[in-house]
């Protein structure tokens, strides 16, 4: 069965073997794999932000998307998923790609102008947004306790964004817009017919992000000559995303989801650490309070969904890296 992460369906048989003996229980092994996945995703974000200092984000999208298209396209071709390319035009596939496009553009611009930890903290609200969207548009049952958790979570987002207060940045609204677009992306992905190959969806998304980067290149300032180091870093960023996906699948197949899923929040810890070490960003009190509020409400929503016996908790409904993937 395919699994849904970061709005991208991946076949379960693409993962490394989760049965590889390790001196850990299945739950601890799964938690370790989840932490490794978060390291991969956060390093990708850090490389992307670092690259934005020498080129515009459209160029980042174009180059990283080209590498992602190459890597994913080769996997799709090897698995025979490209036999019916017309399926890329299926309405839910197109909706997913449109959501990813909006999420990627808003996310990358926000990431270029805000501390990486702030953007990561806002994106932790994505599972709550997906739960809300599923209730509003798909009619899925959400009790008052989870509605309260959603409200508290978005109050945490407002603490970070701090509209109307000193320290407010319009780019924080772009991070929030990215959450909304990611929610559209993930909800659309859940409605893609199972007959459409997973890797075809991934290839369509990667190609679309590459084309979008090319279209935005001129409006955002044009092409900047790239060094071999810059090119290598963006290739590495694309590889890190793929590695993150593999370790997510390994994690979710290793133990209990209710035990493993909360470890996706370690992405915020890595974001704070990398922001401090690489960019010299020190989190302020509102960011810490807001992030704690979002994480607490997300954990409570996960607990409530487990109590009521839902098959797919919010923690699994959206990508553990909480960010647009572009592939």
C-alpha atoms as a PDB file:
ATOM      1  CA  UNK A   1       0.000   0.000   0.000  1.00  0.00           C
ATOM      2  CA  UNK A   2       1.299   3.482  -0.767  1.00  0.00           C
ATOM      3  CA  UNK A   3       1.924   5.871   2.100  1.00  0.00           C
ATOM      4  CA  UNK A   4       1.263   9.620   2.098  1.00  0.00           C
ATOM      5  CA  UNK A   5       3.962  11.972   3.291  1.00  0.00           C
ATOM      6  CA  UNK A   6       4.673  15.575   2.474  1.00  0.00           C
ATOM      7  CA  UNK A   7       1.836  15.387   0.028  1.00  0.00           C
ATOM      8  CA  UNK A   8       3.795  12.850  -1.990  1.00  0.00           C
ATOM      9  CA  UNK A   9       2.771   9.216  -2.306  1.00  0.00           C
ATOM     10  CA  UNK A  10       5.609   6.749  -2.055  1.00  0.00           C
ATOM     11  CA  UNK A  11       5.361   2.999  -2.573  1.00  0.00           C
ATOM     12  CA  UNK A  12       6.149   1.055   0.558  1.00  0.00           C
ATOM     13  CA  UNK A  13       8.457  -1.298  -1.343  1.00  0.00           C
ATOM     14  CA  UNK A  14      10.820   1.587  -2.185  1.00  0.00           C
ATOM     15  CA  UNK A  15      12.100   1.800   1.371  1.00  0.00           C
ATOM     16  CA  UNK A  16      15.232   0.287   2.751  1.00  0.00           C
ATOM     17  CA  UNK A  17      14.537  -2.918   4.640  1.00  0.00           C
ATOM     18  CA  UNK A  18      13.083  -1.962   8.048  1.00  0.00           C
ATOM     19  CA  UNK A  19      13.696  -5.520   9.239  1.00  0.00           C
ATOM     20  CA  UNK A  20      17.450  -4.988   9.226  1.00  0.00           C
ATOM     21  CA  UNK A  21      18.539  -6.125  12.692  1.00  0.00           C
ATOM     22  CA  UNK A  22      19.291  -3.297  15.087  1.00  0.00           C
ATOM     23  CA  UNK A  23      19.782  -3.607  18.864  1.00  0.00           C
ATOM     24  CA  UNK A  24      16.590  -1.594  19.441  1.00  0.00           C
ATOM     25  CA  UNK A  25      12.912  -2.307  19.908  1.00  0.00           C
ATOM     26  CA  UNK A  26      10.677  -1.649  16.850  1.00  0.00           C
ATOM     27  CA  UNK A  27       9.351   1.574  18.400  1.00  0.00           C
ATOM     28  CA  UNK A  28      12.784   2.933  19.257  1.00  0.00           C
ATOM     29  CA  UNK A  29      14.086   1.923  15.850  1.00  0.00           C
ATOM     30  CA  UNK A  30      11.169   3.737  14.209  1.00  0.00           C
ATOM     31  CA  UNK A  31      11.785   6.817  16.348  1.00  0.00           C
ATOM     32  CA  UNK A  32      15.456   6.818  15.311  1.00  0.00           C
ATOM     33  CA  UNK A  33      14.486   6.561  11.638  1.00  0.00           C
ATOM     34  CA  UNK A  34      12.048   9.454  12.061  1.00  0.00           C
ATOM     35  CA  UNK A  35      14.738  11.616  13.652  1.00  0.00           C
ATOM     36  CA  UNK A  36      17.111  10.818  10.761  1.00  0.00           C
ATOM     37  CA  UNK A  37      14.372  11.772   8.286  1.00  0.00           C
ATOM     38  CA  UNK A  38      13.885  15.092  10.048  1.00  0.00           C
ATOM     39  CA  UNK A  39      17.622  15.749   9.868  1.00  0.00           C
ATOM     40  CA  UNK A  40      17.495  15.148   6.117  1.00  0.00           C
ATOM     41  CA  UNK A  41      14.545  17.453   5.552  1.00  0.00           C
ATOM     42  CA  UNK A  42      15.946  20.206   7.773  1.00  0.00           C
ATOM     43  CA  UNK A  43      19.354  20.057   6.117  1.00  0.00           C
ATOM     44  CA  UNK A  44      17.548  20.439   2.784  1.00  0.00           C
ATOM     45  CA  UNK A  45      15.842  23.584   4.107  1.00  0.00           C
ATOM     46  CA  UNK A  46      19.140  24.946   5.433  1.00  0.00           C
ATOM     47  CA  UNK A  47      20.898  24.370   2.105  1.00  0.00           C
ATOM     48  CA  UNK A  48      18.006  26.031   0.287  1.00  0.00           C
ATOM     49  CA  UNK A  49      18.130  29.066   2.581  1.00  0.00           C
ATOM     50  CA  UNK A  50      21.912  29.269   2.258  1.00  0.00           C
ATOM     51  CA  UNK A  51      21.629  29.112  -1.538  1.00  0.00           C
ATOM     52  CA  UNK A  52      19.195  32.043  -1.510  1.00  0.00           C
ATOM     53  CA  UNK A  53      22.069  34.289  -0.407  1.00  0.00           C
ATOM     54  CA  UNK A  54      23.746  33.906  -3.807  1.00  0.00           C
ATOM     55  CA  UNK A  55      20.769  33.453  -6.154  1.00  0.00           C
ATOM     56  CA  UNK A  56      17.042  34.166  -6.247  1.00  0.00           C
ATOM     57  CA  UNK A  57      14.567  31.540  -5.165  1.00  0.00           C
ATOM     58  CA  UNK A  58      13.279  30.963  -8.705  1.00  0.00           C
ATOM     59  CA  UNK A  59      16.763  29.782  -9.648  1.00  0.00           C
ATOM     60  CA  UNK A  60      16.832  27.577  -6.561  1.00  0.00           C
ATOM     61  CA  UNK A  61      13.510  26.058  -7.640  1.00  0.00           C
ATOM     62  CA  UNK A  62      14.751  25.544 -11.181  1.00  0.00           C
ATOM     63  CA  UNK A  63      18.057  23.892 -10.316  1.00  0.00           C
ATOM     64  CA  UNK A  64      16.835  21.809  -7.382  1.00  0.00           C
ATOM     65  CA  UNK A  65      13.723  20.860  -9.356  1.00  0.00           C
ATOM     66  CA  UNK A  66      15.859  19.741 -12.295  1.00  0.00           C
ATOM     67  CA  UNK A  67      17.845  17.405 -10.069  1.00  0.00           C
ATOM     68  CA  UNK A  68      14.671  16.158  -8.370  1.00  0.00           C
ATOM     69  CA  UNK A  69      13.017  15.564 -11.764  1.00  0.00           C
ATOM     70  CA  UNK A  70      16.034  13.575 -12.885  1.00  0.00           C
ATOM     71  CA  UNK A  71      16.178  11.411  -9.760  1.00  0.00           C
ATOM     72  CA  UNK A  72      12.426  10.804  -9.470  1.00  0.00           C
ATOM     73  CA  UNK A  73      11.974  10.434 -13.228  1.00  0.00           C
ATOM     74  CA  UNK A  74      14.576   7.695 -13.352  1.00  0.00           C
ATOM     75  CA  UNK A  75      12.827   5.864 -10.507  1.00  0.00           C
ATOM     76  CA  UNK A  76       9.460   6.255 -12.234  1.00  0.00           C
ATOM     77  CA  UNK A  77      10.837   5.031 -15.566  1.00  0.00           C
ATOM     78  CA  UNK A  78      12.459   2.031 -13.907  1.00  0.00           C
ATOM     79  CA  UNK A  79       9.148   1.089 -12.291  1.00  0.00           C
ATOM     80  CA  UNK A  80       7.147   1.598 -15.496  1.00  0.00           C
ATOM     81  CA  UNK A  81       5.117   4.437 -13.985  1.00  0.00           C
ATOM     82  CA  UNK A  82       5.434   6.681 -17.044  1.00  0.00           C
ATOM     83  CA  UNK A  83       3.409   4.458 -19.367  1.00  0.00           C
ATOM     84  CA  UNK A  84       0.382   6.795 -19.242  1.00  0.00           C
ATOM     85  CA  UNK A  85       1.665  10.383 -18.941  1.00  0.00           C
ATOM     86  CA  UNK A  86      -1.827  11.745 -19.719  1.00  0.00           C
ATOM     87  CA  UNK A  87      -2.789  10.797 -16.151  1.00  0.00           C
ATOM     88  CA  UNK A  88      -0.805  13.858 -15.030  1.00  0.00           C
ATOM     89  CA  UNK A  89      -3.797  15.927 -16.219  1.00  0.00           C
ATOM     90  CA  UNK A  90      -6.268  14.145 -13.927  1.00  0.00           C
ATOM     91  CA  UNK A  91      -8.093  16.876 -11.897  1.00  0.00           C
ATOM     92  CA  UNK A  92      -6.853  15.810  -8.468  1.00  0.00           C
ATOM     93  CA  UNK A  93      -3.293  15.453  -9.751  1.00  0.00           C
ATOM     94  CA  UNK A  94      -3.539  18.937 -11.246  1.00  0.00           C
ATOM     95  CA  UNK A  95      -4.981  20.291  -7.972  1.00  0.00           C
ATOM     96  CA  UNK A  96      -2.160  18.708  -6.037  1.00  0.00           C
ATOM     97  CA  UNK A  97       0.428  20.247  -8.339  1.00  0.00           C
ATOM     98  CA  UNK A  98      -1.249  23.671  -8.071  1.00  0.00           C
ATOM     99  CA  UNK A  99      -1.236  23.428  -4.265  1.00  0.00           C
ATOM    100  CA  UNK A 100       2.407  22.397  -4.298  1.00  0.00           C
ATOM    101  CA  UNK A 101       3.251  25.305  -6.587  1.00  0.00           C
ATOM    102  CA  UNK A 102       1.688  27.858  -4.259  1.00  0.00           C
ATOM    103  CA  UNK A 103       3.225  26.207  -1.220  1.00  0.00           C
ATOM    104  CA  UNK A 104       6.697  26.050  -2.724  1.00  0.00           C
ATOM    105  CA  UNK A 105       6.812  29.672  -3.886  1.00  0.00           C
ATOM    106  CA  UNK A 106       5.469  31.070  -0.602  1.00  0.00           C
ATOM    107  CA  UNK A 107       7.653  28.754   1.492  1.00  0.00           C
ATOM    108  CA  UNK A 108      10.886  29.534  -0.330  1.00  0.00           C
ATOM    109  CA  UNK A 109      10.333  33.294  -0.232  1.00  0.00           C
ATOM    110  CA  UNK A 110       9.521  33.122   3.483  1.00  0.00           C
ATOM    111  CA  UNK A 111      12.545  30.904   4.106  1.00  0.00           C
ATOM    112  CA  UNK A 112      14.831  33.390   2.358  1.00  0.00           C
ATOM    113  CA  UNK A 113      13.721  36.269   4.617  1.00  0.00           C
ATOM    114  CA  UNK A 114      12.909  34.648   7.977  1.00  0.00           C
ATOM    115  CA  UNK A 115      14.855  32.512  10.453  1.00  0.00           C
ATOM    116  CA  UNK A 116      14.562  28.861   9.478  1.00  0.00           C
ATOM    117  CA  UNK A 117      13.199  28.008  12.951  1.00  0.00           C
ATOM    118  CA  UNK A 118      10.322  30.494  12.592  1.00  0.00           C
ATOM    119  CA  UNK A 119       9.244  29.049   9.240  1.00  0.00           C
ATOM    120  CA  UNK A 120       9.539  25.507  10.576  1.00  0.00           C
ATOM    121  CA  UNK A 121       7.473  26.399  13.643  1.00  0.00           C
ATOM    122  CA  UNK A 122       4.611  27.839  11.575  1.00  0.00           C
ATOM    123  CA  UNK A 123       4.608  24.763   9.349  1.00  0.00           C
ATOM    124  CA  UNK A 124       4.118  22.518  12.378  1.00  0.00           C
ATOM    125  CA  UNK A 125       0.457  23.581  12.182  1.00  0.00           C
ATOM    126  CA  UNK A 126      -0.025  21.700   8.902  1.00  0.00           C
ATOM    127  CA  UNK A 127      -1.545  18.524  10.434  1.00  0.00           C
ATOM    128  CA  UNK A 128      -4.101  20.703  12.219  1.00  0.00           C
ATOM    129  CA  UNK A 129      -4.896  22.502   8.940  1.00  0.00           C
ATOM    130  CA  UNK A 130      -5.348  19.158   7.171  1.00  0.00           C
ATOM    131  CA  UNK A 131      -7.651  17.919   9.942  1.00  0.00           C
ATOM    132  CA  UNK A 132      -9.707  21.114   9.648  1.00  0.00           C
ATOM    133  CA  UNK A 133      -9.859  20.838   5.856  1.00  0.00           C
ATOM    134  CA  UNK A 134     -10.928  17.201   5.998  1.00  0.00           C
ATOM    135  CA  UNK A 135     -13.763  18.166   8.360  1.00  0.00           C
ATOM    136  CA  UNK A 136     -14.908  21.158   6.307  1.00  0.00           C
ATOM    137  CA  UNK A 137     -14.625  19.711   2.818  1.00  0.00           C
ATOM    138  CA  UNK A 138     -14.710  15.917   3.211  1.00  0.00           C
ATOM    139  CA  UNK A 139     -17.224  15.753   6.067  1.00  0.00           C
ATOM    140  CA  UNK A 140     -14.886  13.798   8.347  1.00  0.00           C
ATOM    141  CA  UNK A 141     -15.983  13.818  11.971  1.00  0.00           C
ATOM    142  CA  UNK A 142     -14.000  16.118  14.255  1.00  0.00           C
ATOM    143  CA  UNK A 143     -15.121  16.476  17.865  1.00  0.00           C
ATOM    144  CA  UNK A 144     -15.061  19.640  19.926  1.00  0.00           C
ATOM    145  CA  UNK A 145     -11.807  18.678  21.625  1.00  0.00           C
ATOM    146  CA  UNK A 146      -9.958  18.500  18.321  1.00  0.00           C
ATOM    147  CA  UNK A 147     -11.598  21.735  17.149  1.00  0.00           C
ATOM    148  CA  UNK A 148     -10.285  23.300  20.355  1.00  0.00           C
ATOM    149  CA  UNK A 149      -6.821  21.879  19.640  1.00  0.00           C
ATOM    150  CA  UNK A 150      -6.971  23.380  16.135  1.00  0.00           C
ATOM    151  CA  UNK A 151      -7.952  26.785  17.542  1.00  0.00           C
ATOM    152  CA  UNK A 152      -5.167  26.686  20.132  1.00  0.00           C
ATOM    153  CA  UNK A 153      -2.666  25.593  17.487  1.00  0.00           C
ATOM    154  CA  UNK A 154      -3.501  28.505  15.237  1.00  0.00           C
ATOM    155  CA  UNK A 155      -3.332  30.831  18.227  1.00  0.00           C
ATOM    156  CA  UNK A 156       0.250  29.596  18.549  1.00  0.00           C
ATOM    157  CA  UNK A 157       0.805  30.503  14.898  1.00  0.00           C
ATOM    158  CA  UNK A 158      -0.458  34.027  15.602  1.00  0.00           C
ATOM    159  CA  UNK A 159       1.990  34.313  18.503  1.00  0.00           C
ATOM    160  CA  UNK A 160       4.828  33.580  16.081  1.00  0.00           C
ATOM    161  CA  UNK A 161       3.475  35.768  13.285  1.00  0.00           C
ATOM    162  CA  UNK A 162       2.545  38.530  15.820  1.00  0.00           C
ATOM    163  CA  UNK A 163       0.415  40.628  13.432  1.00  0.00           C
ATOM    164  CA  UNK A 164       0.252  44.284  14.417  1.00  0.00           C
ATOM    165  CA  UNK A 165       3.170  44.046  16.821  1.00  0.00           C
ATOM    166  CA  UNK A 166       6.811  45.041  16.650  1.00  0.00           C
ATOM    167  CA  UNK A 167       8.765  42.266  14.988  1.00  0.00           C
ATOM    168  CA  UNK A 168       5.959  41.457  12.549  1.00  0.00           C
ATOM    169  CA  UNK A 169       7.130  40.540   9.058  1.00  0.00           C
ATOM    170  CA  UNK A 170       4.931  40.207   5.989  1.00  0.00           C
ATOM    171  CA  UNK A 171       6.986  37.145   5.131  1.00  0.00           C
ATOM    172  CA  UNK A 172       5.410  35.407   8.117  1.00  0.00           C
ATOM    173  CA  UNK A 173       2.115  35.620   6.242  1.00  0.00           C
ATOM    174  CA  UNK A 174       3.785  33.810   3.350  1.00  0.00           C
ATOM    175  CA  UNK A 175       4.741  30.998   5.717  1.00  0.00           C
ATOM    176  CA  UNK A 176       1.093  30.839   6.774  1.00  0.00           C
ATOM    177  CA  UNK A 177       0.009  30.859   3.111  1.00  0.00           C
ATOM    178  CA  UNK A 178       2.343  27.924   2.552  1.00  0.00           C
ATOM    179  CA  UNK A 179       0.490  25.983   5.267  1.00  0.00           C
ATOM    180  CA  UNK A 180      -2.824  26.646   3.504  1.00  0.00           C
ATOM    181  CA  UNK A 181      -1.432  25.576   0.121  1.00  0.00           C
ATOM    182  CA  UNK A 182       0.137  22.459   1.648  1.00  0.00           C
ATOM    183  CA  UNK A 183      -3.237  21.544   3.138  1.00  0.00           C
ATOM    184  CA  UNK A 184      -4.840  21.839  -0.317  1.00  0.00           C
ATOM    185  CA  UNK A 185      -2.038  19.715  -1.729  1.00  0.00           C
ATOM    186  CA  UNK A 186      -2.389  16.968   0.871  1.00  0.00           C
ATOM    187  CA  UNK A 187      -6.194  16.862   0.746  1.00  0.00           C
ATOM    188  CA  UNK A 188      -6.089  16.612  -3.058  1.00  0.00           C
ATOM    189  CA  UNK A 189      -3.493  13.848  -2.845  1.00  0.00           C
ATOM    190  CA  UNK A 190      -5.833  11.791  -0.679  1.00  0.00           C
ATOM    191  CA  UNK A 191      -8.392  11.906  -3.524  1.00  0.00           C
ATOM    192  CA  UNK A 192      -6.070  10.863  -6.350  1.00  0.00           C
ATOM    193  CA  UNK A 193      -7.345   7.565  -7.839  1.00  0.00           C
ATOM    194  CA  UNK A 194      -5.306   4.575  -6.713  1.00  0.00           C
ATOM    195  CA  UNK A 195      -4.912   3.500 -10.337  1.00  0.00           C
ATOM    196  CA  UNK A 196      -2.600   6.450 -10.989  1.00  0.00           C
ATOM    197  CA  UNK A 197       0.979   5.356 -10.214  1.00  0.00           C
ATOM    198  CA  UNK A 198       2.577   6.994  -7.240  1.00  0.00           C
ATOM    199  CA  UNK A 199       5.800   7.819  -9.029  1.00  0.00           C
ATOM    200  CA  UNK A 200       3.887   9.436 -11.901  1.00  0.00           C
ATOM    201  CA  UNK A 201       2.415  11.923  -9.409  1.00  0.00           C
ATOM    202  CA  UNK A 202       5.873  12.592  -7.992  1.00  0.00           C
ATOM    203  CA  UNK A 203       7.335  13.089 -11.468  1.00  0.00           C
ATOM    204  CA  UNK A 204       4.539  15.467 -12.466  1.00  0.00           C
ATOM    205  CA  UNK A 205       5.154  17.553  -9.340  1.00  0.00           C
ATOM    206  CA  UNK A 206       8.914  17.680  -9.847  1.00  0.00           C
ATOM    207  CA  UNK A 207       8.564  18.720 -13.490  1.00  0.00           C
ATOM    208  CA  UNK A 208       5.943  21.355 -12.628  1.00  0.00           C
ATOM    209  CA  UNK A 209       8.176  22.917  -9.962  1.00  0.00           C
ATOM    210  CA  UNK A 210      11.082  23.013 -12.408  1.00  0.00           C
ATOM    211  CA  UNK A 211       8.960  24.740 -15.057  1.00  0.00           C
ATOM    212  CA  UNK A 212       7.586  27.177 -12.474  1.00  0.00           C
ATOM    213  CA  UNK A 213      11.112  28.074 -11.429  1.00  0.00           C
ATOM    214  CA  UNK A 214      11.996  28.754 -15.055  1.00  0.00           C
ATOM    215  CA  UNK A 215       8.919  30.972 -15.525  1.00  0.00           C
ATOM    216  CA  UNK A 216       9.667  32.998 -12.383  1.00  0.00           C
ATOM    217  CA  UNK A 217      13.381  33.316 -13.072  1.00  0.00           C
ATOM    218  CA  UNK A 218      13.205  36.573 -15.023  1.00  0.00           C
ATOM    219  CA  UNK A 219      10.653  38.340 -12.756  1.00  0.00           C
ATOM    220  CA  UNK A 220      12.747  37.446  -9.706  1.00  0.00           C
ATOM    221  CA  UNK A 221      15.984  38.876 -11.086  1.00  0.00           C
ATOM    222  CA  UNK A 222      17.267  36.504 -13.729  1.00  0.00           C
ATOM    223  CA  UNK A 223      20.003  33.896 -13.772  1.00  0.00           C
ATOM    224  CA  UNK A 224      23.052  34.186 -11.540  1.00  0.00           C
ATOM    225  CA  UNK A 225      26.173  32.255 -12.621  1.00  0.00           C
ATOM    226  CA  UNK A 226      26.637  29.271 -10.329  1.00  0.00           C
ATOM    227  CA  UNK A 227      29.812  27.768  -8.965  1.00  0.00           C
ATOM    228  CA  UNK A 228      30.355  24.050  -8.863  1.00  0.00           C
ATOM    229  CA  UNK A 229      29.903  24.194  -5.098  1.00  0.00           C
ATOM    230  CA  UNK A 230      26.484  25.872  -5.394  1.00  0.00           C
ATOM    231  CA  UNK A 231      25.327  23.317  -7.958  1.00  0.00           C
ATOM    232  CA  UNK A 232      26.532  20.442  -5.805  1.00  0.00           C
ATOM    233  CA  UNK A 233      24.715  21.820  -2.760  1.00  0.00           C
ATOM    234  CA  UNK A 234      21.375  21.979  -4.591  1.00  0.00           C
ATOM    235  CA  UNK A 235      21.892  18.462  -5.933  1.00  0.00           C
ATOM    236  CA  UNK A 236      22.568  17.381  -2.355  1.00  0.00           C
ATOM    237  CA  UNK A 237      19.369  19.122  -1.227  1.00  0.00           C
ATOM    238  CA  UNK A 238      17.338  17.044  -3.691  1.00  0.00           C
ATOM    239  CA  UNK A 239      19.044  13.849  -2.516  1.00  0.00           C
ATOM    240  CA  UNK A 240      18.396  14.716   1.142  1.00  0.00           C
ATOM    241  CA  UNK A 241      14.657  15.009   0.460  1.00  0.00           C
ATOM    242  CA  UNK A 242      14.628  11.542  -1.114  1.00  0.00           C
ATOM    243  CA  UNK A 243      16.598  10.116   1.803  1.00  0.00           C
ATOM    244  CA  UNK A 244      14.117  11.701   4.177  1.00  0.00           C
ATOM    245  CA  UNK A 245      11.225   9.965   2.423  1.00  0.00           C
ATOM    246  CA  UNK A 246      12.954   6.591   2.675  1.00  0.00           C
ATOM    247  CA  UNK A 247      13.553   6.940   6.397  1.00  0.00           C
ATOM    248  CA  UNK A 248       9.972   8.094   6.977  1.00  0.00           C
ATOM    249  CA  UNK A 249       8.646   4.912   5.394  1.00  0.00           C
ATOM    250  CA  UNK A 250      11.111   2.841   7.398  1.00  0.00           C
ATOM    251  CA  UNK A 251       9.986   4.636  10.551  1.00  0.00           C
ATOM    252  CA  UNK A 252       6.273   4.148   9.994  1.00  0.00           C
ATOM    253  CA  UNK A 253       6.749   0.460   9.193  1.00  0.00           C
ATOM    254  CA  UNK A 254       8.923  -0.221  12.232  1.00  0.00           C
ATOM    255  CA  UNK A 255       6.580   0.342  15.178  1.00  0.00           C
ATOM    256  CA  UNK A 256       3.444   2.038  16.468  1.00  0.00           C
ATOM    257  CA  UNK A 257       2.552   5.245  14.623  1.00  0.00           C
ATOM    258  CA  UNK A 258       1.254   6.811  17.844  1.00  0.00           C
ATOM    259  CA  UNK A 259       4.728   6.379  19.392  1.00  0.00           C
ATOM    260  CA  UNK A 260       6.784   7.347  16.350  1.00  0.00           C
ATOM    261  CA  UNK A 261       4.798  10.237  14.805  1.00  0.00           C
ATOM    262  CA  UNK A 262       5.548  12.797  17.560  1.00  0.00           C
ATOM    263  CA  UNK A 263       9.253  12.527  16.753  1.00  0.00           C
ATOM    264  CA  UNK A 264       8.557  14.513  13.581  1.00  0.00           C
ATOM    265  CA  UNK A 265       8.581  17.572  15.838  1.00  0.00           C
ATOM    266  CA  UNK A 266      12.332  17.104  16.234  1.00  0.00           C
ATOM    267  CA  UNK A 267      12.475  18.953  12.894  1.00  0.00           C
ATOM    268  CA  UNK A 268      11.919  22.148  14.871  1.00  0.00           C
ATOM    269  CA  UNK A 269      14.849  21.358  17.167  1.00  0.00           C
ATOM    270  CA  UNK A 270      17.109  20.777  14.175  1.00  0.00           C
ATOM    271  CA  UNK A 271      15.849  23.999  12.591  1.00  0.00           C
ATOM    272  CA  UNK A 272      16.700  25.980  15.726  1.00  0.00           C
ATOM    273  CA  UNK A 273      20.151  24.371  15.918  1.00  0.00           C
ATOM    274  CA  UNK A 274      20.991  24.899  12.241  1.00  0.00           C
ATOM    275  CA  UNK A 275      19.621  28.434  12.329  1.00  0.00           C
ATOM    276  CA  UNK A 276      21.853  29.229  15.285  1.00  0.00           C
ATOM    277  CA  UNK A 277      25.011  27.551  13.939  1.00  0.00           C
ATOM    278  CA  UNK A 278      24.777  28.495  10.254  1.00  0.00           C
ATOM    279  CA  UNK A 279      22.830  31.754  10.222  1.00  0.00           C
ATOM    280  CA  UNK A 280      23.328  33.067  13.757  1.00  0.00           C
ATOM    281  CA  UNK A 281      19.560  33.215  14.403  1.00  0.00           C
ATOM    282  CA  UNK A 282      18.617  33.180  18.088  1.00  0.00           C
ATOM    283  CA  UNK A 283      14.927  32.274  18.717  1.00  0.00           C
ATOM    284  CA  UNK A 284      13.010  34.938  20.632  1.00  0.00           C
ATOM    285  CA  UNK A 285      10.421  34.301  23.340  1.00  0.00           C
ATOM    286  CA  UNK A 286       7.281  34.643  21.127  1.00  0.00           C
ATOM    287  CA  UNK A 287       8.687  32.064  18.689  1.00  0.00           C
ATOM    288  CA  UNK A 288       9.410  29.609  21.509  1.00  0.00           C
ATOM    289  CA  UNK A 289       5.995  30.110  23.136  1.00  0.00           C
ATOM    290  CA  UNK A 290       4.169  29.866  19.818  1.00  0.00           C
ATOM    291  CA  UNK A 291       6.055  26.757  18.755  1.00  0.00           C
ATOM    292  CA  UNK A 292       5.365  25.058  22.094  1.00  0.00           C
ATOM    293  CA  UNK A 293       1.669  25.906  21.734  1.00  0.00           C
ATOM    294  CA  UNK A 294       1.481  24.466  18.211  1.00  0.00           C
ATOM    295  CA  UNK A 295       3.333  21.284  19.160  1.00  0.00           C
ATOM    296  CA  UNK A 296       1.231  20.792  22.279  1.00  0.00           C
ATOM    297  CA  UNK A 297      -2.035  21.163  20.377  1.00  0.00           C
ATOM    298  CA  UNK A 298      -0.773  18.851  17.634  1.00  0.00           C
ATOM    299  CA  UNK A 299       0.156  16.161  20.136  1.00  0.00           C
ATOM    300  CA  UNK A 300      -3.234  16.486  21.813  1.00  0.00           C
ATOM    301  CA  UNK A 301      -5.026  16.195  18.459  1.00  0.00           C
ATOM    302  CA  UNK A 302      -3.000  13.058  17.750  1.00  0.00           C
ATOM    303  CA  UNK A 303      -3.989  11.659  21.149  1.00  0.00           C
ATOM    304  CA  UNK A 304      -7.669  12.403  20.576  1.00  0.00           C
ATOM    305  CA  UNK A 305      -7.654  10.825  17.141  1.00  0.00           C
ATOM    306  CA  UNK A 306      -6.120   7.724  18.640  1.00  0.00           C
ATOM    307  CA  UNK A 307      -8.810   7.701  21.354  1.00  0.00           C
ATOM    308  CA  UNK A 308     -11.657   7.894  18.836  1.00  0.00           C
ATOM    309  CA  UNK A 309     -10.044   5.204  16.729  1.00  0.00           C
ATOM    310  CA  UNK A 310      -9.347   7.073  13.485  1.00  0.00           C
ATOM    311  CA  UNK A 311      -7.225   5.117  11.052  1.00  0.00           C
ATOM    312  CA  UNK A 312      -5.147   8.081   9.881  1.00  0.00           C
ATOM    313  CA  UNK A 313      -4.206  10.567  12.596  1.00  0.00           C
ATOM    314  CA  UNK A 314      -3.288  14.142  11.838  1.00  0.00           C
ATOM    315  CA  UNK A 315       0.366  13.344  12.384  1.00  0.00           C
ATOM    316  CA  UNK A 316       0.183  10.994   9.409  1.00  0.00           C
ATOM    317  CA  UNK A 317      -2.091  13.141   7.279  1.00  0.00           C
ATOM    318  CA  UNK A 318       0.624  15.556   6.304  1.00  0.00           C
ATOM    319  CA  UNK A 319       4.321  15.483   5.743  1.00  0.00           C
ATOM    320  CA  UNK A 320       6.447  15.102   8.854  1.00  0.00           C
ATOM    321  CA  UNK A 321       8.824  17.707   7.487  1.00  0.00           C
ATOM    322  CA  UNK A 322       5.861  20.077   7.286  1.00  0.00           C
ATOM    323  CA  UNK A 323       7.258  21.734   4.183  1.00  0.00           C
ATOM    324  CA  UNK A 324       6.662  21.803   0.439  1.00  0.00           C
ATOM    325  CA  UNK A 325       8.808  19.168  -1.153  1.00  0.00           C
ATOM    326  CA  UNK A 326       8.775  20.052  -4.841  1.00  0.00           C
ATOM    327  CA  UNK A 327       8.873  16.389  -5.771  1.00  0.00           C
END
